[in-house]
């Protein structure tokens, strides 16, 4: 009889522990679900910007897009408002024209060159670009962004000698 009582006590203890463990696991799952609900964040809607709407519509691109704190700016080239190349044969002036356009886009988003985190430069004449690269110190007065300088065979229009694209991070 004592053996049967011990077995019943053991079974009751196992049943109680199993029930308690299952209750704890269920409570933990419910807490996890509540935490998951708190983490859900609404996605940011992209904000597009066209510097030269007619040109950009004709070539089917946007000059910039902002999503949250990040802004991606398409490569700027030296062109007028109709899309015609300017400063033909003068890489130094083309570079200045690119930065002038990029500054307009940055201002649209209430940014400056200090907010630029990445700059990629594409040029059809790397030695000539390197002769003019010091101009960048007038643009980036506090710090230089990351990026790449790439020598390329050609750009979209043969007269373009340089194209500069940016990535910007602007905390709100």
N, C-alpha and C. Protein backbone atom coordinates (compact mmCIF):
# COMPACT_ATOMS: atom_id res chain seq x y z
N UNK A 1 0.83 -1.18 0.00
CA UNK A 1 0.00 0.00 0.00
C UNK A 1 0.88 1.25 0.00
N UNK A 2 1.95 1.17 0.78
CA UNK A 2 2.86 2.30 0.83
C UNK A 2 3.48 2.54 -0.54
N UNK A 3 3.79 1.43 -1.27
CA UNK A 3 4.38 1.54 -2.60
C UNK A 3 3.40 2.23 -3.54
N UNK A 4 2.13 1.90 -3.48
CA UNK A 4 1.10 2.49 -4.33
C UNK A 4 0.95 3.97 -4.00
N UNK A 5 1.00 4.32 -2.73
CA UNK A 5 0.88 5.72 -2.32
C UNK A 5 2.07 6.52 -2.85
N UNK A 6 3.26 5.96 -2.77
CA UNK A 6 4.46 6.63 -3.28
C UNK A 6 4.36 6.84 -4.80
N UNK A 7 3.83 5.82 -5.49
CA UNK A 7 3.68 5.94 -6.95
C UNK A 7 2.64 7.01 -7.29
N UNK A 8 1.54 7.05 -6.53
CA UNK A 8 0.51 8.06 -6.76
C UNK A 8 1.07 9.46 -6.47
N UNK A 9 1.85 9.57 -5.40
CA UNK A 9 2.46 10.85 -5.06
C UNK A 9 3.42 11.29 -6.16
N UNK A 10 4.21 10.35 -6.67
CA UNK A 10 5.16 10.63 -7.73
C UNK A 10 4.42 11.07 -9.00
N UNK A 11 3.34 10.36 -9.35
CA UNK A 11 2.54 10.72 -10.53
C UNK A 11 1.92 12.10 -10.36
N UNK A 12 1.41 12.38 -9.18
CA UNK A 12 0.81 13.68 -8.91
C UNK A 12 1.85 14.79 -9.03
N UNK A 13 3.05 14.54 -8.51
CA UNK A 13 4.13 15.52 -8.59
C UNK A 13 4.52 15.77 -10.05
N UNK A 14 4.67 14.69 -10.82
CA UNK A 14 5.02 14.83 -12.25
C UNK A 14 3.93 15.60 -12.98
N UNK A 15 2.67 15.28 -12.72
CA UNK A 15 1.54 15.97 -13.37
C UNK A 15 1.56 17.46 -13.02
N UNK A 16 1.80 17.78 -11.75
CA UNK A 16 1.82 19.17 -11.30
C UNK A 16 2.96 19.94 -11.97
N UNK A 17 4.16 19.32 -12.00
CA UNK A 17 5.31 19.97 -12.63
C UNK A 17 5.07 20.19 -14.13
N UNK A 18 4.51 19.19 -14.81
CA UNK A 18 4.22 19.30 -16.24
C UNK A 18 3.24 20.44 -16.48
N UNK A 19 2.19 20.50 -15.67
CA UNK A 19 1.18 21.55 -15.81
C UNK A 19 1.81 22.93 -15.56
N UNK A 20 2.66 23.02 -14.56
CA UNK A 20 3.31 24.28 -14.22
C UNK A 20 4.24 24.73 -15.35
N UNK A 21 5.02 23.80 -15.91
CA UNK A 21 5.92 24.12 -17.01
C UNK A 21 5.15 24.58 -18.25
N UNK A 22 4.05 23.90 -18.55
CA UNK A 22 3.25 24.29 -19.70
C UNK A 22 2.65 25.68 -19.49
N UNK A 23 2.25 25.98 -18.29
CA UNK A 23 1.70 27.30 -17.99
C UNK A 23 2.77 28.38 -18.18
N UNK A 24 3.99 28.09 -17.73
CA UNK A 24 5.09 29.04 -17.89
C UNK A 24 5.40 29.26 -19.37
N UNK A 25 5.45 28.17 -20.14
CA UNK A 25 5.72 28.29 -21.58
C UNK A 25 4.63 29.10 -22.27
N UNK A 26 3.36 28.88 -21.90
CA UNK A 26 2.25 29.61 -22.51
C UNK A 26 2.36 31.10 -22.18
N UNK A 27 2.70 31.39 -20.91
CA UNK A 27 2.84 32.78 -20.50
C UNK A 27 3.98 33.44 -21.26
N UNK A 28 5.10 32.72 -21.46
CA UNK A 28 6.24 33.24 -22.19
C UNK A 28 5.86 33.52 -23.65
N UNK A 29 5.07 32.64 -24.27
CA UNK A 29 4.64 32.85 -25.66
C UNK A 29 3.77 34.10 -25.76
N UNK A 30 2.89 34.30 -24.78
CA UNK A 30 2.02 35.48 -24.79
C UNK A 30 2.85 36.75 -24.65
N UNK A 31 3.87 36.73 -23.78
CA UNK A 31 4.74 37.89 -23.61
C UNK A 31 5.50 38.18 -24.89
N UNK A 32 5.97 37.12 -25.57
CA UNK A 32 6.68 37.29 -26.84
C UNK A 32 5.77 37.93 -27.87
N UNK A 33 4.52 37.51 -27.94
CA UNK A 33 3.58 38.09 -28.89
C UNK A 33 3.40 39.59 -28.62
N UNK A 34 3.30 39.95 -27.33
CA UNK A 34 3.14 41.37 -27.00
C UNK A 34 4.35 42.17 -27.42
N UNK A 35 5.56 41.65 -27.21
CA UNK A 35 6.78 42.34 -27.60
C UNK A 35 6.82 42.48 -29.12
N UNK A 36 6.44 41.44 -29.86
CA UNK A 36 6.43 41.51 -31.32
C UNK A 36 5.49 42.60 -31.80
N UNK A 37 4.36 42.77 -31.14
CA UNK A 37 3.42 43.81 -31.53
C UNK A 37 4.02 45.20 -31.36
N UNK A 38 4.83 45.39 -30.33
CA UNK A 38 5.42 46.69 -30.06
C UNK A 38 6.51 47.05 -31.07
N UNK A 39 7.16 46.07 -31.68
CA UNK A 39 8.28 46.30 -32.57
C UNK A 39 7.83 46.70 -33.98
N UNK A 40 6.63 46.43 -34.36
CA UNK A 40 6.14 46.73 -35.70
C UNK A 40 6.19 48.24 -35.95
N UNK A 41 6.85 48.64 -37.07
CA UNK A 41 7.02 50.04 -37.42
C UNK A 41 6.47 50.25 -38.83
N UNK A 42 5.75 51.34 -39.02
CA UNK A 42 5.22 51.64 -40.35
C UNK A 42 6.38 51.98 -41.29
N UNK A 43 6.31 51.53 -42.55
CA UNK A 43 7.38 51.80 -43.50
C UNK A 43 7.32 53.26 -43.97
N UNK A 44 8.46 53.78 -44.33
CA UNK A 44 8.57 55.16 -44.79
C UNK A 44 8.18 55.24 -46.26
N UNK A 45 7.48 56.29 -46.63
CA UNK A 45 7.10 56.49 -48.02
C UNK A 45 8.18 57.30 -48.73
N UNK A 46 8.66 56.85 -49.89
CA UNK A 46 9.70 57.59 -50.61
C UNK A 46 9.20 58.96 -51.07
N UNK A 47 10.10 59.95 -50.99
CA UNK A 47 9.82 61.30 -51.48
C UNK A 47 10.77 61.56 -52.64
N UNK A 48 10.23 61.74 -53.83
CA UNK A 48 11.03 61.93 -55.04
C UNK A 48 11.21 63.41 -55.35
N UNK A 49 12.35 63.75 -55.95
CA UNK A 49 12.63 65.13 -56.32
C UNK A 49 13.20 65.16 -57.73
N UNK A 50 12.66 66.06 -58.56
CA UNK A 50 13.16 66.25 -59.92
C UNK A 50 13.79 67.64 -60.00
N UNK A 51 15.06 67.70 -60.35
CA UNK A 51 15.75 68.99 -60.49
C UNK A 51 15.36 69.66 -61.81
N UNK A 52 15.36 68.89 -62.87
CA UNK A 52 14.95 69.36 -64.21
C UNK A 52 13.85 68.42 -64.70
N UNK A 53 12.61 68.66 -64.29
CA UNK A 53 11.52 67.71 -64.55
C UNK A 53 11.40 67.24 -66.00
N UNK A 54 11.51 68.13 -66.96
CA UNK A 54 11.34 67.72 -68.37
C UNK A 54 12.47 66.78 -68.81
N UNK A 55 13.69 67.12 -68.44
CA UNK A 55 14.84 66.28 -68.82
C UNK A 55 14.74 64.92 -68.14
N UNK A 56 14.42 64.93 -66.85
CA UNK A 56 14.37 63.68 -66.09
C UNK A 56 13.22 62.79 -66.54
N UNK A 57 12.10 63.40 -66.92
CA UNK A 57 10.99 62.60 -67.46
C UNK A 57 11.38 62.00 -68.81
N UNK A 58 12.08 62.77 -69.64
CA UNK A 58 12.50 62.27 -70.96
C UNK A 58 13.47 61.09 -70.82
N UNK A 59 14.38 61.16 -69.85
CA UNK A 59 15.35 60.09 -69.63
C UNK A 59 14.86 59.04 -68.63
N UNK A 60 13.68 59.28 -68.06
CA UNK A 60 13.01 58.34 -67.14
C UNK A 60 13.83 58.02 -65.88
N UNK A 61 14.12 59.07 -65.13
CA UNK A 61 14.76 58.87 -63.83
C UNK A 61 14.37 60.01 -62.90
N UNK A 62 14.60 59.82 -61.62
CA UNK A 62 14.40 60.87 -60.62
C UNK A 62 15.79 61.29 -60.15
N UNK A 63 15.96 62.57 -59.92
CA UNK A 63 17.29 63.02 -59.52
C UNK A 63 17.60 62.65 -58.07
N UNK A 64 16.56 62.54 -57.25
CA UNK A 64 16.80 62.17 -55.86
C UNK A 64 15.57 61.49 -55.28
N UNK A 65 15.82 60.66 -54.27
CA UNK A 65 14.72 60.06 -53.52
C UNK A 65 15.14 60.00 -52.06
N UNK A 66 14.21 60.39 -51.19
CA UNK A 66 14.44 60.37 -49.75
C UNK A 66 13.52 59.33 -49.13
N UNK A 67 14.11 58.46 -48.33
CA UNK A 67 13.34 57.47 -47.57
C UNK A 67 13.85 57.54 -46.14
N UNK A 68 13.00 58.01 -45.25
CA UNK A 68 13.42 58.17 -43.85
C UNK A 68 14.52 59.21 -43.77
N UNK A 69 15.66 58.81 -43.19
CA UNK A 69 16.80 59.72 -43.03
C UNK A 69 17.81 59.62 -44.16
N UNK A 70 17.55 58.74 -45.14
CA UNK A 70 18.48 58.50 -46.23
C UNK A 70 18.02 59.16 -47.52
N UNK A 71 18.96 59.78 -48.22
CA UNK A 71 18.68 60.42 -49.50
C UNK A 71 19.70 59.90 -50.51
N UNK A 72 19.20 59.40 -51.63
CA UNK A 72 20.05 58.94 -52.73
C UNK A 72 19.92 59.95 -53.86
N UNK A 73 21.05 60.45 -54.34
CA UNK A 73 21.03 61.46 -55.39
C UNK A 73 21.72 60.89 -56.63
N UNK A 74 20.99 60.88 -57.73
CA UNK A 74 21.54 60.39 -59.00
C UNK A 74 22.73 61.24 -59.42
N UNK A 75 23.54 60.67 -60.29
CA UNK A 75 24.71 61.37 -60.77
C UNK A 75 24.38 62.70 -61.42
N UNK A 76 25.05 63.75 -60.97
CA UNK A 76 24.90 65.08 -61.56
C UNK A 76 25.95 65.23 -62.65
N UNK A 77 25.54 65.81 -63.77
CA UNK A 77 26.45 66.11 -64.87
C UNK A 77 26.31 67.59 -65.21
N UNK A 78 27.20 68.09 -66.03
CA UNK A 78 27.19 69.50 -66.39
C UNK A 78 26.26 69.72 -67.58
N UNK A 79 25.00 70.16 -67.26
CA UNK A 79 24.02 70.40 -68.32
C UNK A 79 23.17 71.61 -67.99
N UNK A 80 22.53 72.16 -69.03
CA UNK A 80 21.60 73.26 -68.82
C UNK A 80 20.20 72.70 -68.57
N UNK A 81 19.23 73.57 -68.42
CA UNK A 81 17.87 73.12 -68.09
C UNK A 81 17.18 72.34 -69.20
N UNK A 82 17.73 72.40 -70.41
CA UNK A 82 17.16 71.63 -71.52
C UNK A 82 17.89 70.29 -71.70
N UNK A 83 18.91 70.05 -70.88
CA UNK A 83 19.65 68.79 -70.96
C UNK A 83 20.85 68.83 -71.88
N UNK A 84 21.22 70.02 -72.34
CA UNK A 84 22.39 70.15 -73.21
C UNK A 84 23.67 70.25 -72.39
N UNK A 85 24.74 69.57 -72.82
CA UNK A 85 26.01 69.65 -72.09
C UNK A 85 26.53 71.09 -72.03
N UNK A 86 27.16 71.43 -70.91
CA UNK A 86 27.77 72.75 -70.73
C UNK A 86 29.25 72.55 -70.39
N UNK A 87 30.02 73.60 -70.52
CA UNK A 87 31.47 73.59 -70.23
C UNK A 87 32.17 72.45 -70.98
N UNK A 88 31.82 72.28 -72.24
CA UNK A 88 32.37 71.19 -73.06
C UNK A 88 33.90 71.31 -73.11
N UNK A 89 34.57 70.21 -72.79
CA UNK A 89 36.03 70.15 -72.82
C UNK A 89 36.72 70.71 -71.58
N UNK A 90 35.96 71.22 -70.61
CA UNK A 90 36.53 71.82 -69.40
C UNK A 90 36.09 71.03 -68.17
N UNK A 91 36.86 70.02 -67.82
CA UNK A 91 36.49 69.15 -66.71
C UNK A 91 36.35 69.92 -65.40
N UNK A 92 37.24 70.86 -65.15
CA UNK A 92 37.17 71.64 -63.90
C UNK A 92 35.85 72.39 -63.78
N UNK A 93 35.41 73.02 -64.85
CA UNK A 93 34.14 73.75 -64.81
C UNK A 93 32.97 72.78 -64.75
N UNK A 94 33.07 71.64 -65.45
CA UNK A 94 32.01 70.65 -65.36
C UNK A 94 31.85 70.16 -63.92
N UNK A 95 32.96 69.96 -63.22
CA UNK A 95 32.90 69.54 -61.82
C UNK A 95 32.18 70.59 -60.98
N UNK A 96 32.52 71.86 -61.17
CA UNK A 96 31.86 72.93 -60.42
C UNK A 96 30.36 72.98 -60.72
N UNK A 97 30.00 72.75 -61.99
CA UNK A 97 28.58 72.74 -62.35
C UNK A 97 27.85 71.57 -61.69
N UNK A 98 28.51 70.43 -61.61
CA UNK A 98 27.91 69.26 -60.93
C UNK A 98 27.63 69.59 -59.47
N UNK A 99 28.63 70.14 -58.78
CA UNK A 99 28.46 70.46 -57.37
C UNK A 99 27.39 71.53 -57.15
N UNK A 100 27.26 72.47 -58.09
CA UNK A 100 26.22 73.50 -57.98
C UNK A 100 24.83 72.85 -58.04
N UNK A 101 24.65 71.89 -58.96
CA UNK A 101 23.36 71.18 -59.04
C UNK A 101 23.12 70.34 -57.79
N UNK A 102 24.15 69.66 -57.32
CA UNK A 102 24.01 68.83 -56.12
C UNK A 102 23.63 69.69 -54.92
N UNK A 103 24.20 70.88 -54.84
CA UNK A 103 23.86 71.79 -53.73
C UNK A 103 22.38 72.17 -53.77
N UNK A 104 21.82 72.39 -54.96
CA UNK A 104 20.40 72.71 -55.08
C UNK A 104 19.54 71.57 -54.54
N UNK A 105 19.93 70.35 -54.83
CA UNK A 105 19.17 69.19 -54.35
C UNK A 105 19.30 69.07 -52.84
N UNK A 106 20.51 69.23 -52.33
CA UNK A 106 20.72 69.17 -50.88
C UNK A 106 19.87 70.23 -50.17
N UNK A 107 19.84 71.44 -50.71
CA UNK A 107 19.05 72.52 -50.09
C UNK A 107 17.56 72.17 -50.09
N UNK A 108 17.09 71.51 -51.16
CA UNK A 108 15.69 71.10 -51.20
C UNK A 108 15.34 70.24 -49.98
N UNK A 109 16.28 69.42 -49.55
CA UNK A 109 16.07 68.54 -48.40
C UNK A 109 16.61 69.14 -47.10
N UNK A 110 16.91 70.44 -47.09
CA UNK A 110 17.48 71.12 -45.92
C UNK A 110 18.78 70.46 -45.46
N UNK A 111 19.62 70.11 -46.41
CA UNK A 111 20.91 69.48 -46.12
C UNK A 111 22.04 70.33 -46.68
N UNK A 112 23.26 69.98 -46.28
CA UNK A 112 24.47 70.59 -46.83
C UNK A 112 25.42 69.46 -47.19
N UNK A 113 26.57 69.82 -47.73
CA UNK A 113 27.57 68.80 -48.05
C UNK A 113 28.10 68.12 -46.78
N UNK A 114 27.89 68.73 -45.62
CA UNK A 114 28.29 68.09 -44.36
C UNK A 114 27.45 66.85 -44.07
N UNK A 115 26.29 66.74 -44.68
CA UNK A 115 25.41 65.58 -44.47
C UNK A 115 25.70 64.43 -45.43
N UNK A 116 26.58 64.65 -46.39
CA UNK A 116 26.92 63.61 -47.38
C UNK A 116 27.77 62.54 -46.72
N UNK A 117 27.36 61.28 -46.89
CA UNK A 117 28.12 60.17 -46.32
C UNK A 117 28.85 59.35 -47.40
N UNK A 118 28.41 59.51 -48.66
CA UNK A 118 29.06 58.76 -49.74
C UNK A 118 29.00 59.58 -51.02
N UNK A 119 30.14 59.64 -51.70
CA UNK A 119 30.24 60.36 -52.97
C UNK A 119 30.98 59.46 -53.95
N UNK A 120 30.33 59.17 -55.07
CA UNK A 120 30.99 58.41 -56.13
C UNK A 120 31.17 59.31 -57.33
N UNK A 121 32.39 59.34 -57.85
CA UNK A 121 32.71 60.19 -59.00
C UNK A 121 33.12 59.29 -60.16
N UNK A 122 32.50 59.55 -61.31
CA UNK A 122 32.81 58.83 -62.54
C UNK A 122 33.40 59.85 -63.51
N UNK A 123 34.52 59.53 -64.10
CA UNK A 123 35.15 60.46 -65.03
C UNK A 123 35.72 59.72 -66.23
N UNK A 124 35.70 60.42 -67.36
CA UNK A 124 36.27 59.86 -68.58
C UNK A 124 37.75 60.21 -68.71
N UNK A 125 38.27 61.00 -67.75
CA UNK A 125 39.67 61.40 -67.80
C UNK A 125 40.21 61.50 -66.37
N UNK A 126 40.67 60.39 -65.83
CA UNK A 126 41.12 60.36 -64.44
C UNK A 126 42.31 61.29 -64.18
N UNK A 127 43.34 61.34 -65.03
CA UNK A 127 44.44 62.27 -64.75
C UNK A 127 43.97 63.73 -64.65
N UNK A 128 43.08 64.13 -65.54
CA UNK A 128 42.56 65.50 -65.51
C UNK A 128 41.69 65.73 -64.26
N UNK A 129 40.91 64.71 -63.89
CA UNK A 129 40.13 64.82 -62.65
C UNK A 129 41.07 65.02 -61.46
N UNK A 130 42.13 64.22 -61.40
CA UNK A 130 43.05 64.33 -60.26
C UNK A 130 43.69 65.72 -60.18
N UNK A 131 43.90 66.35 -61.33
CA UNK A 131 44.43 67.73 -61.34
C UNK A 131 43.41 68.70 -60.73
N UNK A 132 42.12 68.38 -60.82
CA UNK A 132 41.06 69.26 -60.35
C UNK A 132 40.44 68.82 -59.01
N UNK A 133 40.85 67.68 -58.50
CA UNK A 133 40.22 67.11 -57.31
C UNK A 133 40.35 67.99 -56.07
N UNK A 134 41.34 68.86 -56.02
CA UNK A 134 41.53 69.73 -54.86
C UNK A 134 40.31 70.63 -54.64
N UNK A 135 39.54 70.88 -55.69
CA UNK A 135 38.33 71.71 -55.56
C UNK A 135 37.36 71.12 -54.52
N UNK A 136 37.41 69.83 -54.34
CA UNK A 136 36.53 69.17 -53.38
C UNK A 136 36.72 69.71 -51.96
N UNK A 137 37.91 70.22 -51.65
CA UNK A 137 38.16 70.80 -50.31
C UNK A 137 37.33 72.06 -50.09
N UNK A 138 36.90 72.71 -51.16
CA UNK A 138 36.00 73.86 -51.03
C UNK A 138 34.56 73.41 -50.79
N UNK A 139 34.25 72.21 -51.18
CA UNK A 139 32.90 71.65 -51.02
C UNK A 139 32.76 71.00 -49.64
N UNK A 140 33.71 70.16 -49.31
CA UNK A 140 33.68 69.44 -48.03
C UNK A 140 34.65 70.14 -47.07
N UNK A 141 34.13 71.08 -46.30
CA UNK A 141 34.99 71.89 -45.43
C UNK A 141 35.21 71.27 -44.05
N UNK A 142 34.34 70.34 -43.64
CA UNK A 142 34.48 69.75 -42.30
C UNK A 142 35.04 68.34 -42.35
N UNK A 143 34.55 67.54 -43.29
CA UNK A 143 35.01 66.15 -43.41
C UNK A 143 34.68 65.66 -44.82
N UNK A 144 35.42 64.65 -45.26
CA UNK A 144 35.16 64.08 -46.57
C UNK A 144 34.32 62.81 -46.41
N UNK A 145 33.40 62.56 -47.34
CA UNK A 145 32.58 61.35 -47.27
C UNK A 145 33.36 60.15 -47.80
N UNK A 146 32.78 58.97 -47.63
CA UNK A 146 33.34 57.78 -48.26
C UNK A 146 32.98 57.84 -49.74
N UNK A 147 33.51 56.91 -50.51
CA UNK A 147 33.12 56.87 -51.91
C UNK A 147 34.21 56.30 -52.79
N UNK A 148 33.96 56.38 -54.09
CA UNK A 148 34.88 55.84 -55.08
C UNK A 148 35.07 56.84 -56.20
N UNK A 149 36.27 56.79 -56.79
CA UNK A 149 36.56 57.55 -58.00
C UNK A 149 36.80 56.52 -59.09
N UNK A 150 36.00 56.58 -60.13
CA UNK A 150 36.07 55.56 -61.17
C UNK A 150 36.33 56.18 -62.54
N UNK A 151 37.32 55.67 -63.23
CA UNK A 151 37.57 56.05 -64.61
C UNK A 151 36.69 55.19 -65.50
N UNK A 152 35.92 55.83 -66.37
CA UNK A 152 35.00 55.09 -67.24
C UNK A 152 35.26 55.47 -68.70
N UNK A 153 34.84 54.60 -69.59
CA UNK A 153 35.04 54.83 -71.02
C UNK A 153 34.21 56.02 -71.51
N UNK A 154 32.94 56.06 -71.09
CA UNK A 154 32.06 57.15 -71.52
C UNK A 154 30.90 57.31 -70.53
N UNK A 155 30.28 58.48 -70.60
CA UNK A 155 29.08 58.76 -69.81
C UNK A 155 27.90 58.86 -70.77
N UNK A 156 26.74 59.27 -70.29
CA UNK A 156 25.51 59.23 -71.09
C UNK A 156 25.61 60.01 -72.40
N UNK A 157 26.27 61.15 -72.37
CA UNK A 157 26.47 61.97 -73.57
C UNK A 157 27.97 62.18 -73.71
N UNK A 158 28.52 62.04 -74.92
CA UNK A 158 29.98 62.09 -75.09
C UNK A 158 30.67 63.32 -74.50
N UNK A 159 29.98 64.47 -74.45
CA UNK A 159 30.61 65.69 -73.93
C UNK A 159 30.74 65.70 -72.41
N UNK A 160 30.01 64.84 -71.72
CA UNK A 160 30.13 64.77 -70.27
C UNK A 160 31.46 64.12 -69.91
N UNK A 161 32.23 64.80 -69.06
CA UNK A 161 33.52 64.28 -68.64
C UNK A 161 33.51 63.79 -67.19
N UNK A 162 32.46 64.18 -66.45
CA UNK A 162 32.40 63.83 -65.04
C UNK A 162 30.94 63.70 -64.61
N UNK A 163 30.70 62.78 -63.70
CA UNK A 163 29.37 62.59 -63.10
C UNK A 163 29.59 62.30 -61.63
N UNK A 164 28.81 62.97 -60.78
CA UNK A 164 28.98 62.82 -59.33
C UNK A 164 27.64 62.45 -58.71
N UNK A 165 27.63 61.34 -57.98
CA UNK A 165 26.41 60.94 -57.27
C UNK A 165 26.67 60.90 -55.76
N UNK A 166 25.61 61.13 -55.00
CA UNK A 166 25.75 61.25 -53.54
C UNK A 166 24.76 60.38 -52.80
N UNK A 167 25.14 60.02 -51.58
CA UNK A 167 24.23 59.45 -50.61
C UNK A 167 24.33 60.33 -49.37
N UNK A 168 23.17 60.63 -48.79
CA UNK A 168 23.10 61.56 -47.68
C UNK A 168 22.37 60.90 -46.52
N UNK A 169 22.81 61.19 -45.32
CA UNK A 169 22.10 60.77 -44.12
C UNK A 169 21.79 62.02 -43.32
N UNK A 170 20.50 62.25 -43.07
CA UNK A 170 20.08 63.46 -42.34
C UNK A 170 19.17 63.05 -41.19
N UNK A 171 19.70 62.97 -39.97
CA UNK A 171 18.83 62.66 -38.83
C UNK A 171 17.83 63.80 -38.63
N UNK A 172 16.63 63.43 -38.28
CA UNK A 172 15.58 64.46 -38.14
C UNK A 172 15.52 65.00 -36.74
